[in-house]
């Protein structure tokens, strides 16, 4: 298995992490080009994972692209 450098929140549940990595989303700055609705469409993403992503983005001064 390939080890990918990622700055996704470590507390993300495995299904959410698999959904994001499977689509190639491994860096928080990628989410600035995506809407929350786009991410929620991924199987494995739910409200808790979205909140964790929002907090991680905010900590870096970033937001989803739909704001």
PDB file of N, CA and C in Angstrom:
ATOM      1  N   UNK A   1       0.836  -1.184   0.000  1.00  0.00           N
ATOM      2  CA  UNK A   1       0.000   0.000   0.000  1.00  0.00           C
ATOM      3  C   UNK A   1       0.885   1.252   0.000  1.00  0.00           C
ATOM      4  N   UNK A   2       0.460   2.256  -0.729  1.00  0.00           N
ATOM      5  CA  UNK A   2       1.213   3.499  -0.826  1.00  0.00           C
ATOM      6  C   UNK A   2       0.845   4.409   0.329  1.00  0.00           C
ATOM      7  N   UNK A   3       1.845   4.956   0.994  1.00  0.00           N
ATOM      8  CA  UNK A   3       1.613   5.898   2.077  1.00  0.00           C
ATOM      9  C   UNK A   3       1.510   7.302   1.485  1.00  0.00           C
ATOM     10  N   UNK A   4       0.347   7.902   1.611  1.00  0.00           N
ATOM     11  CA  UNK A   4       0.097   9.224   1.035  1.00  0.00           C
ATOM     12  C   UNK A   4       0.173  10.276   2.131  1.00  0.00           C
ATOM     13  N   UNK A   5       0.952  11.330   1.888  1.00  0.00           N
ATOM     14  CA  UNK A   5       0.992  12.447   2.828  1.00  0.00           C
ATOM     15  C   UNK A   5      -0.372  13.113   2.820  1.00  0.00           C
ATOM     16  N   UNK A   6      -0.930  13.318   3.987  1.00  0.00           N
ATOM     17  CA  UNK A   6      -2.263  13.883   4.090  1.00  0.00           C
ATOM     18  C   UNK A   6      -2.341  14.787   5.303  1.00  0.00           C
ATOM     19  N   UNK A   7      -3.136  15.857   5.174  1.00  0.00           N
ATOM     20  CA  UNK A   7      -3.393  16.699   6.347  1.00  0.00           C
ATOM     21  C   UNK A   7      -4.867  16.646   6.738  1.00  0.00           C
ATOM     22  N   UNK A   8      -5.537  15.541   6.358  1.00  0.00           N
ATOM     23  CA  UNK A   8      -6.920  15.349   6.783  1.00  0.00           C
ATOM     24  C   UNK A   8      -6.948  15.151   8.295  1.00  0.00           C
ATOM     25  N   UNK A   9      -8.059  15.527   8.940  1.00  0.00           N
ATOM     26  CA  UNK A   9      -8.144  15.352  10.398  1.00  0.00           C
ATOM     27  C   UNK A   9      -7.927  13.892  10.798  1.00  0.00           C
ATOM     28  N   UNK A  10      -7.095  13.673  11.786  1.00  0.00           N
ATOM     29  CA  UNK A  10      -6.787  12.306  12.222  1.00  0.00           C
ATOM     30  C   UNK A  10      -8.002  11.628  12.857  1.00  0.00           C
ATOM     31  N   UNK A  11      -8.946  12.412  13.377  1.00  0.00           N
ATOM     32  CA  UNK A  11     -10.114  11.826  14.033  1.00  0.00           C
ATOM     33  C   UNK A  11     -11.206  11.389  13.056  1.00  0.00           C
ATOM     34  N   UNK A  12     -11.011  11.619  11.761  1.00  0.00           N
ATOM     35  CA  UNK A  12     -12.003  11.165  10.777  1.00  0.00           C
ATOM     36  C   UNK A  12     -12.184   9.654  10.869  1.00  0.00           C
ATOM     37  N   UNK A  13     -13.429   9.226  10.837  1.00  0.00           N
ATOM     38  CA  UNK A  13     -13.717   7.790  10.848  1.00  0.00           C
ATOM     39  C   UNK A  13     -13.185   7.152   9.561  1.00  0.00           C
ATOM     40  N   UNK A  14     -12.881   5.872   9.636  1.00  0.00           N
ATOM     41  CA  UNK A  14     -12.301   5.173   8.487  1.00  0.00           C
ATOM     42  C   UNK A  14     -13.164   5.237   7.221  1.00  0.00           C
ATOM     43  N   UNK A  15     -14.500   5.078   7.321  1.00  0.00           N
ATOM     44  CA  UNK A  15     -15.296   5.173   6.094  1.00  0.00           C
ATOM     45  C   UNK A  15     -15.190   6.546   5.422  1.00  0.00           C
ATOM     46  N   UNK A  16     -15.168   7.597   6.222  1.00  0.00           N
ATOM     47  CA  UNK A  16     -15.048   8.947   5.674  1.00  0.00           C
ATOM     48  C   UNK A  16     -13.673   9.144   5.048  1.00  0.00           C
ATOM     49  N   UNK A  17     -12.652   8.701   5.730  1.00  0.00           N
ATOM     50  CA  UNK A  17     -11.288   8.829   5.204  1.00  0.00           C
ATOM     51  C   UNK A  17     -11.146   8.054   3.892  1.00  0.00           C
ATOM     52  N   UNK A  18     -11.678   6.824   3.849  1.00  0.00           N
ATOM     53  CA  UNK A  18     -11.616   6.027   2.617  1.00  0.00           C
ATOM     54  C   UNK A  18     -12.344   6.721   1.473  1.00  0.00           C
ATOM     55  N   UNK A  19     -13.497   7.319   1.772  1.00  0.00           N
ATOM     56  CA  UNK A  19     -14.261   8.011   0.739  1.00  0.00           C
ATOM     57  C   UNK A  19     -13.466   9.175   0.159  1.00  0.00           C
ATOM     58  N   UNK A  20     -12.836   9.946   1.017  1.00  0.00           N
ATOM     59  CA  UNK A  20     -12.074  11.112   0.565  1.00  0.00           C
ATOM     60  C   UNK A  20     -10.820  10.706  -0.199  1.00  0.00           C
ATOM     61  N   UNK A  21     -10.042   9.814   0.382  1.00  0.00           N
ATOM     62  CA  UNK A  21      -8.800   9.379  -0.259  1.00  0.00           C
ATOM     63  C   UNK A  21      -9.097   8.667  -1.574  1.00  0.00           C
ATOM     64  N   UNK A  22     -10.180   7.902  -1.597  1.00  0.00           N
ATOM     65  CA  UNK A  22     -10.566   7.196  -2.813  1.00  0.00           C
ATOM     66  C   UNK A  22     -10.869   8.142  -3.965  1.00  0.00           C
ATOM     67  N   UNK A  23     -11.306   9.343  -3.645  1.00  0.00           N
ATOM     68  CA  UNK A  23     -11.590  10.357  -4.667  1.00  0.00           C
ATOM     69  C   UNK A  23     -10.390  11.280  -4.904  1.00  0.00           C
ATOM     70  N   UNK A  24      -9.303  11.015  -4.178  1.00  0.00           N
ATOM     71  CA  UNK A  24      -8.094  11.812  -4.375  1.00  0.00           C
ATOM     72  C   UNK A  24      -7.994  13.043  -3.496  1.00  0.00           C
ATOM     73  N   UNK A  25      -8.873  13.164  -2.515  1.00  0.00           N
ATOM     74  CA  UNK A  25      -8.851  14.314  -1.609  1.00  0.00           C
ATOM     75  C   UNK A  25      -8.017  13.975  -0.381  1.00  0.00           C
ATOM     76  N   UNK A  26      -6.781  14.459  -0.348  1.00  0.00           N
ATOM     77  CA  UNK A  26      -5.887  14.159   0.765  1.00  0.00           C
ATOM     78  C   UNK A  26      -5.344  15.419   1.432  1.00  0.00           C
ATOM     79  N   UNK A  27      -5.634  16.583   0.856  1.00  0.00           N
ATOM     80  CA  UNK A  27      -5.153  17.851   1.419  1.00  0.00           C
ATOM     81  C   UNK A  27      -6.325  18.787   1.668  1.00  0.00           C
ATOM     82  N   UNK A  28      -6.304  19.435   2.819  1.00  0.00           N
ATOM     83  CA  UNK A  28      -7.405  20.324   3.167  1.00  0.00           C
ATOM     84  C   UNK A  28      -7.625  21.430   2.137  1.00  0.00           C
ATOM     85  N   UNK A  29      -6.555  21.937   1.547  1.00  0.00           N
ATOM     86  CA  UNK A  29      -6.739  23.041   0.598  1.00  0.00           C
ATOM     87  C   UNK A  29      -7.534  22.614  -0.641  1.00  0.00           C
ATOM     88  N   UNK A  30      -7.635  21.314  -0.908  1.00  0.00           N
ATOM     89  CA  UNK A  30      -8.458  20.842  -2.025  1.00  0.00           C
ATOM     90  C   UNK A  30      -9.936  21.153  -1.803  1.00  0.00           C
ATOM     91  N   UNK A  31     -10.358  21.219  -0.551  1.00  0.00           N
ATOM     92  CA  UNK A  31     -11.772  21.429  -0.247  1.00  0.00           C
ATOM     93  C   UNK A  31     -12.222  22.864  -0.501  1.00  0.00           C
ATOM     94  N   UNK A  32     -11.285  23.776  -0.676  1.00  0.00           N
ATOM     95  CA  UNK A  32     -11.659  25.156  -0.972  1.00  0.00           C
ATOM     96  C   UNK A  32     -12.247  25.273  -2.378  1.00  0.00           C
ATOM     97  N   UNK A  33     -12.049  24.250  -3.201  1.00  0.00           N
ATOM     98  CA  UNK A  33     -12.588  24.230  -4.568  1.00  0.00           C
ATOM     99  C   UNK A  33     -13.873  23.408  -4.673  1.00  0.00           C
ATOM    100  N   UNK A  34     -14.333  22.871  -3.543  1.00  0.00           N
ATOM    101  CA  UNK A  34     -15.501  21.982  -3.533  1.00  0.00           C
ATOM    102  C   UNK A  34     -16.574  22.522  -2.599  1.00  0.00           C
ATOM    103  N   UNK A  35     -17.817  22.217  -2.912  1.00  0.00           N
ATOM    104  CA  UNK A  35     -18.908  22.600  -2.014  1.00  0.00           C
ATOM    105  C   UNK A  35     -19.112  21.495  -0.977  1.00  0.00           C
ATOM    106  N   UNK A  36     -19.738  21.866   0.121  1.00  0.00           N
ATOM    107  CA  UNK A  36     -20.060  20.868   1.142  1.00  0.00           C
ATOM    108  C   UNK A  36     -20.985  19.814   0.552  1.00  0.00           C
ATOM    109  N   UNK A  37     -21.903  20.224  -0.314  1.00  0.00           N
ATOM    110  CA  UNK A  37     -22.843  19.288  -0.928  1.00  0.00           C
ATOM    111  C   UNK A  37     -22.104  18.238  -1.749  1.00  0.00           C
ATOM    112  N   UNK A  38     -21.046  18.640  -2.453  1.00  0.00           N
ATOM    113  CA  UNK A  38     -20.270  17.682  -3.246  1.00  0.00           C
ATOM    114  C   UNK A  38     -19.626  16.626  -2.356  1.00  0.00           C
ATOM    115  N   UNK A  39     -19.091  17.046  -1.229  1.00  0.00           N
ATOM    116  CA  UNK A  39     -18.436  16.111  -0.314  1.00  0.00           C
ATOM    117  C   UNK A  39     -19.463  15.190   0.346  1.00  0.00           C
ATOM    118  N   UNK A  40     -20.616  15.745   0.703  1.00  0.00           N
ATOM    119  CA  UNK A  40     -21.651  14.931   1.347  1.00  0.00           C
ATOM    120  C   UNK A  40     -22.188  13.835   0.438  1.00  0.00           C
ATOM    121  N   UNK A  41     -22.021  13.967  -0.860  1.00  0.00           N
ATOM    122  CA  UNK A  41     -22.494  12.942  -1.797  1.00  0.00           C
ATOM    123  C   UNK A  41     -21.632  11.687  -1.751  1.00  0.00           C
ATOM    124  N   UNK A  42     -20.446  11.787  -1.198  1.00  0.00           N
ATOM    125  CA  UNK A  42     -19.553  10.633  -1.143  1.00  0.00           C
ATOM    126  C   UNK A  42     -20.046   9.636  -0.102  1.00  0.00           C
ATOM    127  N   UNK A  43     -20.067   8.360  -0.479  1.00  0.00           N
ATOM    128  CA  UNK A  43     -20.475   7.314   0.451  1.00  0.00           C
ATOM    129  C   UNK A  43     -19.478   7.260   1.608  1.00  0.00           C
ATOM    130  N   UNK A  44     -19.993   7.367   2.823  1.00  0.00           N
ATOM    131  CA  UNK A  44     -19.132   7.338   4.001  1.00  0.00           C
ATOM    132  C   UNK A  44     -19.020   8.696   4.672  1.00  0.00           C
ATOM    133  N   UNK A  45     -19.480   9.738   3.983  1.00  0.00           N
ATOM    134  CA  UNK A  45     -19.423  11.083   4.561  1.00  0.00           C
ATOM    135  C   UNK A  45     -20.755  11.409   5.216  1.00  0.00           C
ATOM    136  N   UNK A  46     -20.690  11.906   6.443  1.00  0.00           N
ATOM    137  CA  UNK A  46     -21.893  12.279   7.174  1.00  0.00           C
ATOM    138  C   UNK A  46     -21.673  13.569   7.934  1.00  0.00           C
ATOM    139  N   UNK A  47     -22.656  13.955   8.742  1.00  0.00           N
ATOM    140  CA  UNK A  47     -22.581  15.225   9.473  1.00  0.00           C
ATOM    141  C   UNK A  47     -21.358  15.341  10.387  1.00  0.00           C
ATOM    142  N   UNK A  48     -21.014  14.259  11.077  1.00  0.00           N
ATOM    143  CA  UNK A  48     -19.876  14.316  11.998  1.00  0.00           C
ATOM    144  C   UNK A  48     -18.576  14.547  11.227  1.00  0.00           C
ATOM    145  N   UNK A  49     -18.386  13.820  10.130  1.00  0.00           N
ATOM    146  CA  UNK A  49     -17.178  13.985   9.316  1.00  0.00           C
ATOM    147  C   UNK A  49     -17.119  15.395   8.735  1.00  0.00           C
ATOM    148  N   UNK A  50     -18.261  15.914   8.304  1.00  0.00           N
ATOM    149  CA  UNK A  50     -18.289  17.261   7.738  1.00  0.00           C
ATOM    150  C   UNK A  50     -17.890  18.298   8.791  1.00  0.00           C
ATOM    151  N   UNK A  51     -18.362  18.124  10.009  1.00  0.00           N
ATOM    152  CA  UNK A  51     -18.003  19.056  11.080  1.00  0.00           C
ATOM    153  C   UNK A  51     -16.504  18.984  11.364  1.00  0.00           C
ATOM    154  N   UNK A  52     -15.943  17.794  11.343  1.00  0.00           N
ATOM    155  CA  UNK A  52     -14.506  17.639  11.565  1.00  0.00           C
ATOM    156  C   UNK A  52     -13.720  18.338  10.451  1.00  0.00           C
ATOM    157  N   UNK A  53     -14.193  18.211   9.221  1.00  0.00           N
ATOM    158  CA  UNK A  53     -13.530  18.905   8.112  1.00  0.00           C
ATOM    159  C   UNK A  53     -13.661  20.420   8.252  1.00  0.00           C
ATOM    160  N   UNK A  54     -14.860  20.892   8.624  1.00  0.00           N
ATOM    161  CA  UNK A  54     -15.053  22.344   8.822  1.00  0.00           C
ATOM    162  C   UNK A  54     -14.082  22.895   9.869  1.00  0.00           C
ATOM    163  N   UNK A  55     -13.954  22.176  10.995  1.00  0.00           N
ATOM    164  CA  UNK A  55     -13.053  22.631  12.056  1.00  0.00           C
ATOM    165  C   UNK A  55     -11.605  22.636  11.580  1.00  0.00           C
ATOM    166  N   UNK A  56     -11.198  21.591  10.865  1.00  0.00           N
ATOM    167  CA  UNK A  56      -9.822  21.508  10.365  1.00  0.00           C
ATOM    168  C   UNK A  56      -9.540  22.625   9.362  1.00  0.00           C
ATOM    169  N   UNK A  57     -10.505  22.897   8.483  1.00  0.00           N
ATOM    170  CA  UNK A  57     -10.342  23.993   7.524  1.00  0.00           C
ATOM    171  C   UNK A  57     -10.235  25.335   8.250  1.00  0.00           C
ATOM    172  N   UNK A  58     -11.118  25.561   9.207  1.00  0.00           N
ATOM    173  CA  UNK A  58     -11.120  26.828   9.948  1.00  0.00           C
ATOM    174  C   UNK A  58      -9.803  27.045  10.682  1.00  0.00           C
ATOM    175  N   UNK A  59      -9.232  25.965  11.201  1.00  0.00           N
ATOM    176  CA  UNK A  59      -7.948  26.072  11.914  1.00  0.00           C
ATOM    177  C   UNK A  59      -6.845  26.568  11.002  1.00  0.00           C
ATOM    178  N   UNK A  60      -7.000  26.349   9.693  1.00  0.00           N
ATOM    179  CA  UNK A  60      -6.012  26.821   8.714  1.00  0.00           C
ATOM    180  C   UNK A  60      -6.481  28.077   7.997  1.00  0.00           C
ATOM    181  N   UNK A  61      -7.600  28.639   8.445  1.00  0.00           N
ATOM    182  CA  UNK A  61      -8.120  29.849   7.814  1.00  0.00           C
ATOM    183  C   UNK A  61      -8.775  29.591   6.467  1.00  0.00           C
ATOM    184  N   UNK A  62      -9.241  28.357   6.259  1.00  0.00           N
ATOM    185  CA  UNK A  62      -9.856  27.968   4.995  1.00  0.00           C
ATOM    186  C   UNK A  62     -11.341  27.673   5.171  1.00  0.00           C
ATOM    187  N   UNK A  63     -12.072  27.664   4.069  1.00  0.00           N
ATOM    188  CA  UNK A  63     -13.497  27.275   4.072  1.00  0.00           C
ATOM    189  C   UNK A  63     -13.773  26.459   2.818  1.00  0.00           C
ATOM    190  N   UNK A  64     -14.906  25.796   2.821  1.00  0.00           N
ATOM    191  CA  UNK A  64     -15.357  25.102   1.617  1.00  0.00           C
ATOM    192  C   UNK A  64     -15.622  26.148   0.535  1.00  0.00           C
ATOM    193  N   UNK A  65     -15.619  25.720  -0.698  1.00  0.00           N
ATOM    194  CA  UNK A  65     -15.773  26.621  -1.826  1.00  0.00           C
ATOM    195  C   UNK A  65     -17.145  27.245  -1.962  1.00  0.00           C
ATOM    196  N   UNK A  66     -18.143  26.737  -1.252  1.00  0.00           N
ATOM    197  CA  UNK A  66     -19.491  27.265  -1.428  1.00  0.00           C
ATOM    198  C   UNK A  66     -19.843  28.372  -0.447  1.00  0.00           C
ATOM    199  N   UNK A  67     -18.878  28.899   0.257  1.00  0.00           N
ATOM    200  CA  UNK A  67     -19.176  29.954   1.244  1.00  0.00           C
ATOM    201  C   UNK A  67     -18.765  31.305   0.736  1.00  0.00           C
TER     202      UNK A  67
END
